[in-house]
Amino acid sequence: MSLQEVLDQIQPLDMALRKQAQTRLDRLTKPLGSLGRLEELAAQYVTITGEMKPNVPRGVVFTFSADHGVTVEGVSAYPREVTPQMVLNFLRGGAGVNVLARHAGVDVRVVDIGVDYEFGTVPGLFDRKIMKGTHNLMVEPAMTRSQAEQSLLVGMELATNAVQEGVGLIGTGEMGIGNTTPSAAITAVMTRRSVADVTGRGTGVDEAGHARKMHVIQTALDRHRPDPSDPLDVLAKVGGLEIGGLAGLILGAAAARIPVVLDGFIAGAAALIAVGLQPSCRDYLIASHRSVEEGHRVLLDHLSLKPLLDLDLRLGEGTGACLGINLVYAAIKIYTEMATFGEAGVAEKA
């Protein structure tokens, strides 16, 4: 299926469904609105899926992994060799995302969309490698427009396949040393904010490293002039393969009326690309948390997404998405298992 076909399938939500869901929530044995965001989550899930009596869905977190040529500019505290090492750690079940996925009862699917390493045949790894990492965006476009579109198609395909398997909730995750740099570049372009406003310390670079990182991003933006009205141009010039994969995942899920639980800053940058391509997909997004990255706060405000949690997280991988999925599960159980006043024989207020 082509990118345009998927974009055309994404429809605005039917607010009549939300009203029906809210009617049930208001009849549950509690004061009106007393479960706050959990009620909002339940109503959003019903509205997105159209399921008036939903079961707790099967959840999957996709962790897209890729390398970035810009790491040669010293923008990360860690070398790029860590990317394949962490991919293998995910597959062994030893990373933070694995622990929190087990806690939430969801699967983790690890996708190599652009790691600069040949894994060979590794059980459990989804091999969708487009290239061995992006180019150094400071001196040349990160990838071609064709490669950027290919990354979107990978994500859309994985979302479509997951839905066909019965997955009803998708979480976003990523791994890629240096990927807060392209994420900040995308955020600056798509929100039209300054580089200083959206660039954090990523893996924990020092003051000099932070200044160097901002210089690299500003140089890239001045050199390539990515067009904010053309999200594919932005992705190609200053993005990352895992960011494109996540954007495609969002679009593919929205086309199938499946909610997407966003992780942190990198997933947020992917959401900017996805929403830029199809504004209607914004309503299919659930922001799991607000990370400590400055740019994450900016892009959440830009997308009008209110995060569920604020735990000072900055790991990525899909860790925040796992926690968010757990809250979605709780919201659905409140909606479906809690008795109404009539069912419980409890008198409503006079």
C-alpha atoms as a PDB file:
ATOM      1  CA  MET A   1       0.000   0.000   0.000  1.00  0.00           C
ATOM      2  CA  SER A   2       1.326   3.445  -0.911  1.00  0.00           C
ATOM      3  CA  LEU A   3       1.912   6.294   1.513  1.00  0.00           C
ATOM      4  CA  GLN A   4      -0.921   8.304  -0.013  1.00  0.00           C
ATOM      5  CA  GLU A   5      -3.357   5.406   0.273  1.00  0.00           C
ATOM      6  CA  VAL A   6      -2.624   5.107   3.990  1.00  0.00           C
ATOM      7  CA  LEU A   7      -2.953   8.860   4.517  1.00  0.00           C
ATOM      8  CA  ASP A   8      -6.328   8.775   2.778  1.00  0.00           C
ATOM      9  CA  GLN A   9      -7.573   5.991   5.081  1.00  0.00           C
ATOM     10  CA  ILE A  10      -7.059   8.024   8.256  1.00  0.00           C
ATOM     11  CA  GLN A  11     -10.367   9.584   9.215  1.00  0.00           C
ATOM     12  CA  PRO A  12     -11.310  12.209  11.827  1.00  0.00           C
ATOM     13  CA  LEU A  13     -12.798  10.720  14.981  1.00  0.00           C
ATOM     14  CA  ASP A  14     -16.569  10.477  15.438  1.00  0.00           C
ATOM     15  CA  MET A  15     -17.326  12.604  18.483  1.00  0.00           C
ATOM     16  CA  ALA A  16     -20.738  10.915  18.868  1.00  0.00           C
ATOM     17  CA  LEU A  17     -18.821   7.841  20.040  1.00  0.00           C
ATOM     18  CA  ARG A  18     -17.024   9.891  22.682  1.00  0.00           C
ATOM     19  CA  LYS A  19     -20.353  11.220  23.905  1.00  0.00           C
ATOM     20  CA  GLN A  20     -21.700   7.667  24.222  1.00  0.00           C
ATOM     21  CA  ALA A  21     -18.600   6.578  26.130  1.00  0.00           C
ATOM     22  CA  GLN A  22     -18.867   9.571  28.446  1.00  0.00           C
ATOM     23  CA  THR A  23     -22.516   8.746  29.153  1.00  0.00           C
ATOM     24  CA  ARG A  24     -21.487   5.340  30.475  1.00  0.00           C
ATOM     25  CA  LEU A  25     -18.597   6.812  32.467  1.00  0.00           C
ATOM     26  CA  ASP A  26     -20.978   9.286  34.079  1.00  0.00           C
ATOM     27  CA  ARG A  27     -23.251   6.439  35.226  1.00  0.00           C
ATOM     28  CA  LEU A  28     -20.502   4.534  37.023  1.00  0.00           C
ATOM     29  CA  THR A  29     -20.547   4.390  40.832  1.00  0.00           C
ATOM     30  CA  LYS A  30     -18.443   7.494  41.452  1.00  0.00           C
ATOM     31  CA  PRO A  31     -18.826  11.252  41.462  1.00  0.00           C
ATOM     32  CA  LEU A  32     -18.810  12.754  37.960  1.00  0.00           C
ATOM     33  CA  GLY A  33     -15.296  13.024  36.566  1.00  0.00           C
ATOM     34  CA  SER A  34     -13.685  11.720  39.738  1.00  0.00           C
ATOM     35  CA  LEU A  35     -11.339   9.340  37.903  1.00  0.00           C
ATOM     36  CA  GLY A  36      -9.968  12.219  35.859  1.00  0.00           C
ATOM     37  CA  ARG A  37      -7.530  11.264  33.132  1.00  0.00           C
ATOM     38  CA  LEU A  38      -8.497   7.598  33.341  1.00  0.00           C
ATOM     39  CA  GLU A  39     -11.969   8.575  32.170  1.00  0.00           C
ATOM     40  CA  GLU A  40     -10.502  10.633  29.345  1.00  0.00           C
ATOM     41  CA  LEU A  41      -8.344   7.671  28.310  1.00  0.00           C
ATOM     42  CA  ALA A  42     -11.265   5.271  28.318  1.00  0.00           C
ATOM     43  CA  ALA A  43     -13.391   7.629  26.228  1.00  0.00           C
ATOM     44  CA  GLN A  44     -10.514   8.201  23.807  1.00  0.00           C
ATOM     45  CA  TYR A  45      -9.951   4.464  23.365  1.00  0.00           C
ATOM     46  CA  VAL A  46     -13.641   3.851  22.649  1.00  0.00           C
ATOM     47  CA  THR A  47     -13.771   6.777  20.222  1.00  0.00           C
ATOM     48  CA  ILE A  48     -10.696   5.655  18.293  1.00  0.00           C
ATOM     49  CA  THR A  49     -11.617   1.984  18.027  1.00  0.00           C
ATOM     50  CA  GLY A  50     -15.405   2.274  17.851  1.00  0.00           C
ATOM     51  CA  GLU A  51     -15.666  -0.558  20.397  1.00  0.00           C
ATOM     52  CA  MET A  52     -18.410   0.354  22.862  1.00  0.00           C
ATOM     53  CA  LYS A  53     -17.642  -2.687  25.058  1.00  0.00           C
ATOM     54  CA  PRO A  54     -13.915  -3.149  24.525  1.00  0.00           C
ATOM     55  CA  ASN A  55     -11.802  -5.990  25.804  1.00  0.00           C
ATOM     56  CA  VAL A  56      -8.333  -5.171  27.116  1.00  0.00           C
ATOM     57  CA  PRO A  57      -6.355  -5.225  23.874  1.00  0.00           C
ATOM     58  CA  ARG A  58      -3.181  -7.071  23.073  1.00  0.00           C
ATOM     59  CA  GLY A  59      -0.373  -4.526  23.181  1.00  0.00           C
ATOM     60  CA  VAL A  60       2.957  -4.381  21.357  1.00  0.00           C
ATOM     61  CA  VAL A  61       5.829  -1.917  21.652  1.00  0.00           C
ATOM     62  CA  PHE A  62       7.928  -1.530  18.529  1.00  0.00           C
ATOM     63  CA  THR A  63      11.520  -0.504  19.216  1.00  0.00           C
ATOM     64  CA  PHE A  64      13.061   0.804  15.994  1.00  0.00           C
ATOM     65  CA  SER A  65      16.859   0.937  15.935  1.00  0.00           C
ATOM     66  CA  ALA A  66      19.183   2.904  13.671  1.00  0.00           C
ATOM     67  CA  ASP A  67      22.499   4.740  13.632  1.00  0.00           C
ATOM     68  CA  HIS A  68      23.261   8.363  12.810  1.00  0.00           C
ATOM     69  CA  GLY A  69      26.181   9.773  10.859  1.00  0.00           C
ATOM     70  CA  VAL A  70      26.047  12.966  12.890  1.00  0.00           C
ATOM     71  CA  THR A  71      27.614  11.158  15.873  1.00  0.00           C
ATOM     72  CA  VAL A  72      31.038  11.936  14.352  1.00  0.00           C
ATOM     73  CA  GLU A  73      30.401  15.541  15.432  1.00  0.00           C
ATOM     74  CA  GLY A  74      30.514  14.585  19.123  1.00  0.00           C
ATOM     75  CA  VAL A  75      26.819  15.178  19.843  1.00  0.00           C
ATOM     76  CA  SER A  76      26.427  12.143  22.118  1.00  0.00           C
ATOM     77  CA  ALA A  77      28.103  10.997  25.313  1.00  0.00           C
ATOM     78  CA  TYR A  78      28.134   7.423  23.978  1.00  0.00           C
ATOM     79  CA  PRO A  79      29.774   5.904  20.872  1.00  0.00           C
ATOM     80  CA  ARG A  80      27.565   4.539  18.086  1.00  0.00           C
ATOM     81  CA  GLU A  81      28.798   1.005  18.845  1.00  0.00           C
ATOM     82  CA  VAL A  82      26.306   1.044  21.710  1.00  0.00           C
ATOM     83  CA  THR A  83      23.369   0.859  19.258  1.00  0.00           C
ATOM     84  CA  PRO A  84      23.928  -2.769  18.117  1.00  0.00           C
ATOM     85  CA  GLN A  85      24.940  -3.769  21.631  1.00  0.00           C
ATOM     86  CA  MET A  86      21.622  -2.498  22.947  1.00  0.00           C
ATOM     87  CA  VAL A  87      19.696  -4.206  20.139  1.00  0.00           C
ATOM     88  CA  LEU A  88      21.146  -7.517  21.307  1.00  0.00           C
ATOM     89  CA  ASN A  89      20.270  -6.599  24.894  1.00  0.00           C
ATOM     90  CA  PHE A  90      16.645  -5.993  23.843  1.00  0.00           C
ATOM     91  CA  LEU A  91      16.539  -9.389  22.174  1.00  0.00           C
ATOM     92  CA  ARG A  92      17.892 -11.045  25.326  1.00  0.00           C
ATOM     93  CA  GLY A  93      15.215  -9.300  27.389  1.00  0.00           C
ATOM     94  CA  GLY A  94      17.665  -7.391  29.578  1.00  0.00           C
ATOM     95  CA  ALA A  95      16.847  -3.747  28.822  1.00  0.00           C
ATOM     96  CA  GLY A  96      14.577  -1.298  30.605  1.00  0.00           C
ATOM     97  CA  VAL A  97      11.885  -1.630  27.961  1.00  0.00           C
ATOM     98  CA  ASN A  98      11.854  -5.409  28.392  1.00  0.00           C
ATOM     99  CA  VAL A  99      11.344  -5.122  32.142  1.00  0.00           C
ATOM    100  CA  LEU A 100       8.504  -2.614  31.854  1.00  0.00           C
ATOM    101  CA  ALA A 101       6.923  -4.515  28.954  1.00  0.00           C
ATOM    102  CA  ARG A 102       6.803  -7.645  31.084  1.00  0.00           C
ATOM    103  CA  HIS A 103       5.268  -5.578  33.871  1.00  0.00           C
ATOM    104  CA  ALA A 104       2.566  -4.286  31.491  1.00  0.00           C
ATOM    105  CA  GLY A 105       2.053  -7.645  29.813  1.00  0.00           C
ATOM    106  CA  VAL A 106       3.008  -6.485  26.323  1.00  0.00           C
ATOM    107  CA  ASP A 107       5.423  -7.748  23.686  1.00  0.00           C
ATOM    108  CA  VAL A 108       8.507  -5.913  22.430  1.00  0.00           C
ATOM    109  CA  ARG A 109       9.340  -6.142  18.752  1.00  0.00           C
ATOM    110  CA  VAL A 110      12.854  -5.003  17.872  1.00  0.00           C
ATOM    111  CA  VAL A 111      13.317  -3.587  14.376  1.00  0.00           C
ATOM    112  CA  ASP A 112      16.663  -2.980  12.671  1.00  0.00           C
ATOM    113  CA  ILE A 113      15.798  -0.234  10.218  1.00  0.00           C
ATOM    114  CA  GLY A 114      19.282   1.236   9.924  1.00  0.00           C
ATOM    115  CA  VAL A 115      21.899  -0.060  12.374  1.00  0.00           C
ATOM    116  CA  ASP A 116      25.518   0.097  11.168  1.00  0.00           C
ATOM    117  CA  TYR A 117      26.099  -3.555  12.013  1.00  0.00           C
ATOM    118  CA  GLU A 118      25.410  -6.894  10.366  1.00  0.00           C
ATOM    119  CA  PHE A 119      23.460  -9.000  12.845  1.00  0.00           C
ATOM    120  CA  GLY A 120      23.033 -11.967  10.547  1.00  0.00           C
ATOM    121  CA  THR A 121      20.100 -14.183  11.391  1.00  0.00           C
ATOM    122  CA  VAL A 122      19.084 -13.351  14.955  1.00  0.00           C
ATOM    123  CA  PRO A 123      15.878 -14.861  16.361  1.00  0.00           C
ATOM    124  CA  GLY A 124      13.288 -12.194  17.144  1.00  0.00           C
ATOM    125  CA  LEU A 125      14.904  -9.371  15.172  1.00  0.00           C
ATOM    126  CA  PHE A 126      12.817  -7.737  12.449  1.00  0.00           C
ATOM    127  CA  ASP A 127      15.351  -7.008   9.703  1.00  0.00           C
ATOM    128  CA  ARG A 128      14.110  -3.981   7.750  1.00  0.00           C
ATOM    129  CA  LYS A 129      17.496  -2.304   7.228  1.00  0.00           C
ATOM    130  CA  ILE A 130      17.338   0.493   4.650  1.00  0.00           C
ATOM    131  CA  MET A 131      20.940   1.685   4.998  1.00  0.00           C
ATOM    132  CA  LYS A 132      23.711   1.421   7.582  1.00  0.00           C
ATOM    133  CA  GLY A 133      22.838   4.601   9.407  1.00  0.00           C
ATOM    134  CA  THR A 134      22.083   8.042   8.055  1.00  0.00           C
ATOM    135  CA  HIS A 135      24.675  10.431   6.631  1.00  0.00           C
ATOM    136  CA  ASN A 136      26.111  13.251   8.718  1.00  0.00           C
ATOM    137  CA  LEU A 137      23.277  15.769   8.573  1.00  0.00           C
ATOM    138  CA  MET A 138      25.636  18.620   9.414  1.00  0.00           C
ATOM    139  CA  VAL A 139      27.319  18.337   6.021  1.00  0.00           C
ATOM    140  CA  GLU A 140      24.797  16.525   3.770  1.00  0.00           C
ATOM    141  CA  PRO A 141      21.159  15.425   3.877  1.00  0.00           C
ATOM    142  CA  ALA A 142      20.638  12.560   6.300  1.00  0.00           C
ATOM    143  CA  MET A 143      19.114  10.430   3.527  1.00  0.00           C
ATOM    144  CA  THR A 144      17.399  10.681   0.185  1.00  0.00           C
ATOM    145  CA  ARG A 145      13.708  11.443  -0.102  1.00  0.00           C
ATOM    146  CA  SER A 146      13.203   7.894  -1.382  1.00  0.00           C
ATOM    147  CA  GLN A 147      14.914   6.403   1.676  1.00  0.00           C
ATOM    148  CA  ALA A 148      12.827   8.610   3.967  1.00  0.00           C
ATOM    149  CA  GLU A 149       9.638   7.410   2.304  1.00  0.00           C
ATOM    150  CA  GLN A 150      10.876   3.825   2.538  1.00  0.00           C
ATOM    151  CA  SER A 151      11.293   4.221   6.305  1.00  0.00           C
ATOM    152  CA  LEU A 152       7.668   5.359   6.537  1.00  0.00           C
ATOM    153  CA  LEU A 153       6.541   2.351   4.510  1.00  0.00           C
ATOM    154  CA  VAL A 154       8.408  -0.013   6.867  1.00  0.00           C
ATOM    155  CA  GLY A 155       6.536   1.374   9.857  1.00  0.00           C
ATOM    156  CA  MET A 156       3.190   1.258   8.072  1.00  0.00           C
ATOM    157  CA  GLU A 157       3.750  -2.362   7.042  1.00  0.00           C
ATOM    158  CA  LEU A 158       4.637  -3.424  10.588  1.00  0.00           C
ATOM    159  CA  ALA A 159       1.564  -1.679  11.996  1.00  0.00           C
ATOM    160  CA  THR A 160      -0.691  -3.281   9.391  1.00  0.00           C
ATOM    161  CA  ASN A 161       0.739  -6.742  10.067  1.00  0.00           C
ATOM    162  CA  ALA A 162       0.357  -6.305  13.828  1.00  0.00           C
ATOM    163  CA  VAL A 163      -3.299  -5.308  13.477  1.00  0.00           C
ATOM    164  CA  GLN A 164      -3.942  -8.349  11.280  1.00  0.00           C
ATOM    165  CA  GLU A 165      -2.494 -10.486  14.099  1.00  0.00           C
ATOM    166  CA  GLY A 166      -4.998  -9.024  16.557  1.00  0.00           C
ATOM    167  CA  VAL A 167      -2.901  -6.288  18.181  1.00  0.00           C
ATOM    168  CA  GLY A 168      -5.163  -3.529  19.480  1.00  0.00           C
ATOM    169  CA  LEU A 169      -2.716  -1.084  21.068  1.00  0.00           C
ATOM    170  CA  ILE A 170       0.683  -0.008  19.753  1.00  0.00           C
ATOM    171  CA  GLY A 171       3.529   1.612  21.654  1.00  0.00           C
ATOM    172  CA  THR A 172       6.525   3.400  20.159  1.00  0.00           C
ATOM    173  CA  GLY A 173      10.138   2.866  21.114  1.00  0.00           C
ATOM    174  CA  GLU A 174      13.567   3.503  19.625  1.00  0.00           C
ATOM    175  CA  MET A 175      17.299   3.057  20.008  1.00  0.00           C
ATOM    176  CA  GLY A 176      19.935   5.034  18.163  1.00  0.00           C
ATOM    177  CA  ILE A 177      22.977   6.766  19.585  1.00  0.00           C
ATOM    178  CA  GLY A 178      22.813  10.432  18.589  1.00  0.00           C
ATOM    179  CA  ASN A 179      19.103  10.458  17.792  1.00  0.00           C
ATOM    180  CA  THR A 180      18.154  13.401  19.993  1.00  0.00           C
ATOM    181  CA  THR A 181      20.067  15.569  17.487  1.00  0.00           C
ATOM    182  CA  PRO A 182      17.828  14.827  14.462  1.00  0.00           C
ATOM    183  CA  SER A 183      14.821  14.899  16.795  1.00  0.00           C
ATOM    184  CA  ALA A 184      15.713  18.413  17.932  1.00  0.00           C
ATOM    185  CA  ALA A 185      16.285  19.468  14.321  1.00  0.00           C
ATOM    186  CA  ILE A 186      12.861  18.131  13.299  1.00  0.00           C
ATOM    187  CA  THR A 187      11.221  19.793  16.295  1.00  0.00           C
ATOM    188  CA  ALA A 188      12.813  23.160  15.543  1.00  0.00           C
ATOM    189  CA  VAL A 189      11.587  23.031  11.938  1.00  0.00           C
ATOM    190  CA  MET A 190       8.080  21.684  12.527  1.00  0.00           C
ATOM    191  CA  THR A 191       7.293  23.892  15.545  1.00  0.00           C
ATOM    192  CA  ARG A 192       9.192  26.900  14.157  1.00  0.00           C
ATOM    193  CA  ARG A 193      11.022  27.332  17.443  1.00  0.00           C
ATOM    194  CA  SER A 194      14.695  28.167  17.894  1.00  0.00           C
ATOM    195  CA  VAL A 195      17.327  25.454  18.149  1.00  0.00           C
ATOM    196  CA  ALA A 196      18.108  26.609  21.696  1.00  0.00           C
ATOM    197  CA  ASP A 197      14.452  26.130  22.691  1.00  0.00           C
ATOM    198  CA  VAL A 198      14.335  22.485  21.630  1.00  0.00           C
ATOM    199  CA  THR A 199      17.824  21.076  22.206  1.00  0.00           C
ATOM    200  CA  GLY A 200      18.600  19.200  25.408  1.00  0.00           C
ATOM    201  CA  ARG A 201      21.537  17.170  26.635  1.00  0.00           C
ATOM    202  CA  GLY A 202      20.385  13.802  25.304  1.00  0.00           C
ATOM    203  CA  THR A 203      22.488  11.088  26.896  1.00  0.00           C
ATOM    204  CA  GLY A 204      24.058  13.651  29.188  1.00  0.00           C
ATOM    205  CA  VAL A 205      26.621  15.718  27.259  1.00  0.00           C
ATOM    206  CA  ASP A 206      28.460  18.435  29.171  1.00  0.00           C
ATOM    207  CA  GLU A 207      28.139  22.196  28.603  1.00  0.00           C
ATOM    208  CA  ALA A 208      30.613  22.199  25.731  1.00  0.00           C
ATOM    209  CA  GLY A 209      28.909  19.189  24.171  1.00  0.00           C
ATOM    210  CA  HIS A 210      25.519  20.864  24.426  1.00  0.00           C
ATOM    211  CA  ALA A 211      26.840  23.999  22.696  1.00  0.00           C
ATOM    212  CA  ARG A 212      28.436  21.846  19.986  1.00  0.00           C
ATOM    213  CA  LYS A 213      25.155  19.970  19.498  1.00  0.00           C
ATOM    214  CA  MET A 214      23.205  23.214  19.005  1.00  0.00           C
ATOM    215  CA  HIS A 215      25.851  24.449  16.548  1.00  0.00           C
ATOM    216  CA  VAL A 216      25.591  21.208  14.552  1.00  0.00           C
ATOM    217  CA  ILE A 217      21.793  21.448  14.345  1.00  0.00           C
ATOM    218  CA  GLN A 218      21.782  25.136  13.394  1.00  0.00           C
ATOM    219  CA  THR A 219      24.413  24.514  10.727  1.00  0.00           C
ATOM    220  CA  ALA A 220      22.347  21.675   9.277  1.00  0.00           C
ATOM    221  CA  LEU A 221      19.178  23.780   9.191  1.00  0.00           C
ATOM    222  CA  ASP A 222      20.976  26.720   7.573  1.00  0.00           C
ATOM    223  CA  ARG A 223      22.614  24.462   4.995  1.00  0.00           C
ATOM    224  CA  HIS A 224      19.678  22.247   3.998  1.00  0.00           C
ATOM    225  CA  ARG A 225      16.700  24.553   4.684  1.00  0.00           C
ATOM    226  CA  PRO A 226      14.157  21.771   5.290  1.00  0.00           C
ATOM    227  CA  ASP A 227      10.625  22.813   4.327  1.00  0.00           C
ATOM    228  CA  PRO A 228       8.172  22.602   7.275  1.00  0.00           C
ATOM    229  CA  SER A 229       5.265  22.339   4.829  1.00  0.00           C
ATOM    230  CA  ASP A 230       6.836  19.163   3.411  1.00  0.00           C
ATOM    231  CA  PRO A 231       7.412  16.717   6.312  1.00  0.00           C
ATOM    232  CA  LEU A 232       9.063  14.173   4.014  1.00  0.00           C
ATOM    233  CA  ASP A 233      11.643  16.823   3.070  1.00  0.00           C
ATOM    234  CA  VAL A 234      12.301  17.487   6.760  1.00  0.00           C
ATOM    235  CA  LEU A 235      12.677  13.783   7.525  1.00  0.00           C
ATOM    236  CA  ALA A 236      15.052  13.250   4.603  1.00  0.00           C
ATOM    237  CA  LYS A 237      17.278  16.239   5.289  1.00  0.00           C
ATOM    238  CA  VAL A 238      17.640  16.195   9.085  1.00  0.00           C
ATOM    239  CA  GLY A 239      15.817  13.081  10.336  1.00  0.00           C
ATOM    240  CA  GLY A 240      16.598   9.488  11.181  1.00  0.00           C
ATOM    241  CA  LEU A 241      15.527   6.101   9.908  1.00  0.00           C
ATOM    242  CA  GLU A 242      13.994   5.047  13.226  1.00  0.00           C
ATOM    243  CA  ILE A 243      12.107   8.347  13.344  1.00  0.00           C
ATOM    244  CA  GLY A 244      10.686   7.636   9.896  1.00  0.00           C
ATOM    245  CA  GLY A 245       9.810   4.100  10.944  1.00  0.00           C
ATOM    246  CA  LEU A 246       7.931   5.391  13.971  1.00  0.00           C
ATOM    247  CA  ALA A 247       6.098   7.998  11.894  1.00  0.00           C
ATOM    248  CA  GLY A 248       5.005   5.244   9.525  1.00  0.00           C
ATOM    249  CA  LEU A 249       3.949   3.086  12.473  1.00  0.00           C
ATOM    250  CA  ILE A 250       1.741   5.924  13.736  1.00  0.00           C
ATOM    251  CA  LEU A 251       0.149   6.412  10.324  1.00  0.00           C
ATOM    252  CA  GLY A 252      -0.425   2.694   9.775  1.00  0.00           C
ATOM    253  CA  ALA A 253      -2.028   2.289  13.195  1.00  0.00           C
ATOM    254  CA  ALA A 254      -4.270   5.325  12.735  1.00  0.00           C
ATOM    255  CA  ALA A 255      -5.417   4.015   9.347  1.00  0.00           C
ATOM    256  CA  ALA A 256      -6.573   0.849  11.159  1.00  0.00           C
ATOM    257  CA  ARG A 257      -8.192   2.795  14.042  1.00  0.00           C
ATOM    258  CA  ILE A 258      -5.632   1.582  16.571  1.00  0.00           C
ATOM    259  CA  PRO A 259      -4.424   3.965  19.316  1.00  0.00           C
ATOM    260  CA  VAL A 260      -0.707   4.717  19.523  1.00  0.00           C
ATOM    261  CA  VAL A 261       1.007   5.325  22.861  1.00  0.00           C
ATOM    262  CA  LEU A 262       3.969   7.620  22.302  1.00  0.00           C
ATOM    263  CA  ASP A 263       7.183   7.288  24.242  1.00  0.00           C
ATOM    264  CA  GLY A 264       9.420  10.329  24.649  1.00  0.00           C
ATOM    265  CA  PHE A 265      11.242  12.943  22.585  1.00  0.00           C
ATOM    266  CA  ILE A 266      12.235  10.825  19.585  1.00  0.00           C
ATOM    267  CA  ALA A 267       8.742   9.343  19.307  1.00  0.00           C
ATOM    268  CA  GLY A 268       7.410  12.888  19.589  1.00  0.00           C
ATOM    269  CA  ALA A 269       9.565  13.999  16.668  1.00  0.00           C
ATOM    270  CA  ALA A 270       8.132  11.091  14.676  1.00  0.00           C
ATOM    271  CA  ALA A 271       4.637  12.253  15.645  1.00  0.00           C
ATOM    272  CA  LEU A 272       5.432  15.719  14.266  1.00  0.00           C
ATOM    273  CA  ILE A 273       6.270  14.120  10.920  1.00  0.00           C
ATOM    274  CA  ALA A 274       3.165  11.898  10.968  1.00  0.00           C
ATOM    275  CA  VAL A 275       0.798  14.721  11.937  1.00  0.00           C
ATOM    276  CA  GLY A 276       2.440  16.963   9.358  1.00  0.00           C
ATOM    277  CA  LEU A 277       1.621  14.376   6.698  1.00  0.00           C
ATOM    278  CA  GLN A 278      -1.913  13.707   7.988  1.00  0.00           C
ATOM    279  CA  PRO A 279      -3.269  16.045  10.695  1.00  0.00           C
ATOM    280  CA  SER A 280      -6.153  13.676  11.536  1.00  0.00           C
ATOM    281  CA  CYS A 281      -3.743  11.132  13.025  1.00  0.00           C
ATOM    282  CA  ARG A 282      -3.094  13.441  15.994  1.00  0.00           C
ATOM    283  CA  ASP A 283      -6.310  12.286  17.675  1.00  0.00           C
ATOM    284  CA  TYR A 284      -5.061   8.686  17.623  1.00  0.00           C
ATOM    285  CA  LEU A 285      -2.058   9.577  19.811  1.00  0.00           C
ATOM    286  CA  ILE A 286      -1.654   9.135  23.555  1.00  0.00           C
ATOM    287  CA  ALA A 287       1.368  10.829  25.143  1.00  0.00           C
ATOM    288  CA  SER A 288       2.654   8.487  27.829  1.00  0.00           C
ATOM    289  CA  HIS A 289       4.907  10.985  29.593  1.00  0.00           C
ATOM    290  CA  ARG A 290       6.842  14.229  29.433  1.00  0.00           C
ATOM    291  CA  SER A 291      10.586  13.671  29.339  1.00  0.00           C
ATOM    292  CA  VAL A 292      13.253  16.011  30.652  1.00  0.00           C
ATOM    293  CA  GLU A 293      14.278  16.946  27.096  1.00  0.00           C
ATOM    294  CA  GLU A 294      13.355  20.595  26.461  1.00  0.00           C
ATOM    295  CA  GLY A 295      12.179  19.825  22.964  1.00  0.00           C
ATOM    296  CA  HIS A 296       9.705  17.235  24.172  1.00  0.00           C
ATOM    297  CA  ARG A 297       7.762  19.834  26.115  1.00  0.00           C
ATOM    298  CA  VAL A 298       7.704  22.098  23.064  1.00  0.00           C
ATOM    299  CA  LEU A 299       6.431  19.450  20.674  1.00  0.00           C
ATOM    300  CA  LEU A 300       3.784  18.138  23.094  1.00  0.00           C
ATOM    301  CA  ASP A 301       2.433  21.680  23.402  1.00  0.00           C
ATOM    302  CA  HIS A 302       2.551  22.071  19.621  1.00  0.00           C
ATOM    303  CA  LEU A 303       0.581  18.852  19.143  1.00  0.00           C
ATOM    304  CA  SER A 304      -1.803  19.738  22.024  1.00  0.00           C
ATOM    305  CA  LEU A 305      -1.006  16.416  23.713  1.00  0.00           C
ATOM    306  CA  LYS A 306      -1.251  16.218  27.493  1.00  0.00           C
ATOM    307  CA  PRO A 307       1.173  13.628  28.890  1.00  0.00           C
ATOM    308  CA  LEU A 308      -0.088  11.056  31.382  1.00  0.00           C
ATOM    309  CA  LEU A 309       3.069  10.998  33.498  1.00  0.00           C
ATOM    310  CA  ASP A 310       5.982  13.264  34.382  1.00  0.00           C
ATOM    311  CA  LEU A 311       8.694  11.067  35.879  1.00  0.00           C
ATOM    312  CA  ASP A 312      11.860  12.782  34.584  1.00  0.00           C
ATOM    313  CA  LEU A 313      12.407   9.885  32.160  1.00  0.00           C
ATOM    314  CA  ARG A 314      14.929  10.171  29.334  1.00  0.00           C
ATOM    315  CA  LEU A 315      15.813   6.592  28.436  1.00  0.00           C
ATOM    316  CA  GLY A 316      13.651   6.005  25.390  1.00  0.00           C
ATOM    317  CA  GLU A 317      13.442   2.410  24.089  1.00  0.00           C
ATOM    318  CA  GLY A 318       9.672   2.451  24.712  1.00  0.00           C
ATOM    319  CA  THR A 319       9.940   2.530  28.516  1.00  0.00           C
ATOM    320  CA  GLY A 320       7.465   5.381  28.937  1.00  0.00           C
ATOM    321  CA  ALA A 321       5.138   3.809  26.369  1.00  0.00           C
ATOM    322  CA  CYS A 322       4.949   0.638  28.490  1.00  0.00           C
ATOM    323  CA  LEU A 323       3.866   2.674  31.510  1.00  0.00           C
ATOM    324  CA  GLY A 324       1.336   4.527  29.363  1.00  0.00           C
ATOM    325  CA  ILE A 325      -0.086   1.260  28.020  1.00  0.00           C
ATOM    326  CA  ASN A 326      -0.556   0.080  31.595  1.00  0.00           C
ATOM    327  CA  LEU A 327      -2.695   3.163  32.273  1.00  0.00           C
ATOM    328  CA  VAL A 328      -4.739   2.577  29.118  1.00  0.00           C
ATOM    329  CA  TYR A 329      -5.421  -0.957  30.345  1.00  0.00           C
ATOM    330  CA  ALA A 330      -6.525   0.415  33.716  1.00  0.00           C
ATOM    331  CA  ALA A 331      -8.830   2.918  32.014  1.00  0.00           C
ATOM    332  CA  ILE A 332     -10.476   0.233  29.888  1.00  0.00           C
ATOM    333  CA  LYS A 333     -11.057  -1.946  32.951  1.00  0.00           C
ATOM    334  CA  ILE A 334     -12.664   0.967  34.786  1.00  0.00           C
ATOM    335  CA  TYR A 335     -14.950   1.538  31.799  1.00  0.00           C
ATOM    336  CA  THR A 336     -15.968  -2.102  31.377  1.00  0.00           C
ATOM    337  CA  GLU A 337     -15.792  -3.651  34.857  1.00  0.00           C
ATOM    338  CA  MET A 338     -16.982  -0.917  37.185  1.00  0.00           C
ATOM    339  CA  ALA A 339     -20.710  -1.090  38.023  1.00  0.00           C
ATOM    340  CA  THR A 340     -23.174   1.635  37.166  1.00  0.00           C
ATOM    341  CA  PHE A 341     -25.431   3.068  39.856  1.00  0.00           C
ATOM    342  CA  GLY A 342     -28.329   1.035  38.474  1.00  0.00           C
ATOM    343  CA  GLU A 343     -26.347  -2.220  38.356  1.00  0.00           C
ATOM    344  CA  ALA A 344     -25.041  -1.794  41.896  1.00  0.00           C
ATOM    345  CA  GLY A 345     -28.312  -0.622  43.391  1.00  0.00           C
ATOM    346  CA  VAL A 346     -26.609   2.532  44.656  1.00  0.00           C
ATOM    347  CA  ALA A 347     -28.661   5.708  44.882  1.00  0.00           C
ATOM    348  CA  GLU A 348     -27.493   8.595  42.744  1.00  0.00           C
ATOM    349  CA  LYS A 349     -27.245  12.061  44.245  1.00  0.00           C
ATOM    350  CA  ALA A 350     -30.523  13.849  44.814  1.00  0.00           C
END
